[in-house]
Structure formats: C-alpha cells, structure tokens
Protein backbone atom coordinates (compact mmCIF):
# COMPACT_ATOMS: atom_id res chain seq x y z
CA UNK A 1 -40.62 -41.46 6.37
CA UNK A 2 -39.49 -38.59 8.64
CA UNK A 3 -39.00 -35.05 7.56
CA UNK A 4 -36.11 -33.17 8.97
CA UNK A 5 -36.03 -29.48 9.52
CA UNK A 6 -32.95 -27.92 7.87
CA UNK A 7 -30.38 -26.55 10.33
CA UNK A 8 -30.11 -22.80 10.82
CA UNK A 9 -26.51 -22.90 9.35
CA UNK A 10 -27.88 -23.98 5.99
CA UNK A 11 -30.64 -21.54 5.80
CA UNK A 12 -30.37 -18.68 3.24
CA UNK A 13 -29.89 -15.21 4.66
CA UNK A 14 -33.17 -13.71 5.49
CA UNK A 15 -34.66 -11.19 3.05
CA UNK A 16 -34.88 -8.08 5.31
CA UNK A 17 -31.24 -8.49 6.61
CA UNK A 18 -29.92 -8.90 3.10
CA UNK A 19 -31.94 -5.82 2.09
CA UNK A 20 -30.42 -3.87 5.08
CA UNK A 21 -26.87 -4.69 4.27
CA UNK A 22 -27.33 -3.77 0.60
CA UNK A 23 -28.88 -0.42 1.74
CA UNK A 24 -26.15 0.40 4.15
CA UNK A 25 -23.49 -0.47 1.54
CA UNK A 26 -25.16 1.94 -0.90
CA UNK A 27 -25.49 4.72 1.77
CA UNK A 28 -21.70 4.31 2.43
CA UNK A 29 -21.05 4.48 -1.37
CA UNK A 30 -23.17 7.63 -1.71
CA UNK A 31 -21.27 9.14 1.27
CA UNK A 32 -18.01 8.24 -0.32
CA UNK A 33 -18.90 9.78 -3.52
CA UNK A 34 -19.97 12.88 -1.74
CA UNK A 35 -16.74 13.14 0.17
CA UNK A 36 -14.77 12.59 -2.97
CA UNK A 37 -16.67 15.45 -4.68
CA UNK A 38 -16.20 17.73 -1.64
CA UNK A 39 -12.53 16.86 -1.50
CA UNK A 40 -11.71 17.67 -5.02
CA UNK A 41 -13.84 20.88 -4.77
CA UNK A 42 -11.72 21.77 -1.63
CA UNK A 43 -8.56 21.42 -3.78
CA UNK A 44 -9.75 24.26 -5.98
CA UNK A 45 -10.16 26.71 -2.99
CA UNK A 46 -8.09 29.35 -4.54
CA UNK A 47 -10.51 29.77 -7.39
CA UNK A 48 -13.85 30.18 -5.50
CA UNK A 49 -14.76 31.31 -2.06
CA UNK A 50 -17.44 28.46 -1.94
CA UNK A 51 -14.62 25.89 -2.40
CA UNK A 52 -12.46 27.74 0.15
CA UNK A 53 -15.18 26.92 2.78
CA UNK A 54 -14.53 23.25 2.20
CA UNK A 55 -10.71 23.27 2.38
CA UNK A 56 -10.38 23.32 6.19
CA UNK A 57 -11.58 19.80 6.69
CA UNK A 58 -8.62 17.69 5.38
CA UNK A 59 -8.33 15.62 8.65
CA UNK A 60 -11.97 14.83 8.68
CA UNK A 61 -12.05 14.02 4.99
CA UNK A 62 -9.07 11.66 5.39
CA UNK A 63 -10.58 9.59 8.26
CA UNK A 64 -14.04 9.40 6.72
CA UNK A 65 -12.53 8.41 3.24
CA UNK A 66 -10.39 5.74 5.08
CA UNK A 67 -13.50 4.23 6.56
CA UNK A 68 -15.33 4.45 3.29
CA UNK A 69 -12.39 2.62 1.69
CA UNK A 70 -12.56 -0.18 4.23
CA UNK A 71 -16.30 -0.46 3.88
CA UNK A 72 -16.12 -0.51 0.03
CA UNK A 73 -13.32 -3.00 0.06
CA UNK A 74 -15.37 -5.29 2.32
CA UNK A 75 -18.44 -4.95 0.05
CA UNK A 76 -16.11 -5.63 -2.91
CA UNK A 77 -16.74 -2.32 -4.63
CA UNK A 78 -13.24 -2.10 -5.77
CA UNK A 79 -13.34 0.92 -8.02
CA UNK A 80 -14.97 3.14 -5.44
CA UNK A 81 -12.60 1.79 -2.79
CA UNK A 82 -9.66 2.53 -4.92
CA UNK A 83 -10.84 6.15 -5.63
CA UNK A 84 -11.76 6.76 -1.99
CA UNK A 85 -8.34 5.32 -0.83
CA UNK A 86 -6.47 7.44 -3.44
CA UNK A 87 -8.35 10.67 -2.23
CA UNK A 88 -7.63 9.72 1.42
CA UNK A 89 -3.93 9.24 0.60
CA UNK A 90 -4.01 12.60 -1.12
CA UNK A 91 -5.39 14.36 2.02
CA UNK A 92 -2.82 12.43 4.10
CA UNK A 93 -0.06 14.13 2.09
CA UNK A 94 -1.37 17.47 3.30
CA UNK A 95 -1.88 16.61 7.00
CA UNK A 96 1.05 14.33 7.58
CA UNK A 97 3.62 17.22 7.95
CA UNK A 98 1.48 18.80 10.77
CA UNK A 99 1.77 15.53 12.79
CA UNK A 100 5.20 14.33 11.84
CA UNK A 101 7.33 17.53 11.29
CA UNK A 102 10.44 17.19 9.04
CA UNK A 103 13.00 18.22 11.76
CA UNK A 104 14.06 21.35 9.94
CA UNK A 105 15.69 24.04 12.13
CA UNK A 106 13.59 27.11 13.04
CA UNK A 107 14.04 30.04 10.65
CA UNK A 108 16.78 32.43 11.29
CA UNK A 109 15.90 35.96 12.17
CA UNK A 110 14.80 38.12 15.05
CA UNK A 111 11.97 37.06 17.25
CA UNK A 112 9.02 39.45 17.80
CA UNK A 113 7.38 39.60 21.21
CA UNK A 114 3.73 40.25 20.93
CA UNK A 115 1.33 40.73 23.88
CA UNK A 116 -2.40 40.94 23.87
CA UNK A 117 -4.07 42.22 26.86
CA UNK A 118 -7.82 42.64 27.70
CA UNK A 119 -7.91 45.73 29.76
CA UNK A 120 -11.61 45.61 30.59
CA UNK A 121 -13.24 48.98 30.30
CA UNK A 122 -14.25 48.94 34.01
CA UNK A 123 -10.71 48.36 35.25
CA UNK A 124 -9.40 51.20 37.41
CA UNK A 125 -6.00 49.54 38.08
CA UNK A 126 -4.22 51.38 35.20
CA UNK A 127 -0.82 51.46 37.04
CA UNK A 128 -0.77 47.60 37.43
CA UNK A 129 -1.40 47.19 33.67
CA UNK A 130 1.39 49.75 32.89
CA UNK A 131 3.68 47.91 35.12
CA UNK A 132 2.96 44.58 33.48
CA UNK A 133 3.38 45.95 30.02
CA UNK A 134 6.72 47.50 31.04
CA UNK A 135 8.01 44.39 32.59
CA UNK A 136 7.18 42.18 29.62
CA UNK A 137 9.04 44.58 27.26
CA UNK A 138 7.03 43.46 24.17
CA UNK A 139 7.74 44.73 20.72
CA UNK A 140 3.99 44.88 19.77
CA UNK A 141 1.23 45.58 22.23
CA UNK A 142 -2.55 45.04 21.55
CA UNK A 143 -4.82 46.33 24.09
CA UNK A 144 -8.44 45.29 23.97
CA UNK A 145 -11.44 47.17 25.56
CA UNK A 146 -9.53 50.38 25.98
CA UNK A 147 -11.67 53.48 26.47
CA UNK A 148 -10.29 57.03 26.12
C-alpha cells in the first residue's frame, strides 16, 4: 500500500495567511467606519469649528471610501460596503461640479482688476514699480512689504 501526498491545490489555506487576510479586512473595516464618521462630522461644519476642520477633504474622503467599498464588497461585508459606497456617492455630489462644470455662462457685471505686488522693503526702484502700476490700470492695488 502506497501513501500519496495530497497536492498543494487541495491543501486548506494556511493558518497564518488566513489570519492575515481577516486582520487586513478588519483594519479596512475600521478605517471605513472612521471615514464614514469623519464624513458625517464634516457635513455639520457650520455648527462646530472642529467639524469645519474636517470639511476640506471631500476628494480624499471620496477616493478612500471608494476603495473601502471595493474591499468590503470583496470581503462580502455588504452592509458596510453599502454605507461606505453611499457616503462616497454623497461626497461625489459635492466634488463633481468642480471637475465637470455645468456650462453656465459667466455672471454678468463689471470685472474688477486686482493687482498684488511684493515691493520688497529694500527695493530702490520706486519709479519702475509706479510705472508698472500705472500701466496695469488696476481697480484695486495691494502692495506688500511697503515701508514709509
């Protein structure tokens, strides 16, 4: 009687690898929950200055939540994938108009020409600066580093 060694294809997954995959999925899930919490806190920015600090990252929230949605879907964590995907879609509604403008005409009214110029306190070429400012014919002039 001969004993055959089972093939590698029939072997059950090794214990450490299975543990690592579960750990990574749980870390992604924790990150997704954190991102969802930060996202909803950012939507209440008008009520708290602490929440206002979080509202500037919609693009980052969108992409990270999209990745979390994909990972949670692959891991078959459907509820978390659904919530992360819905939150990512909510962020997309805020950032999409930035990248895909609606094509509306520019607002009517007068244009205001504004010029900002760093004079540098050690600059001794005052006539050149004045000539440039006269040539630009700006409505508003902001001079930086001007000494009396």
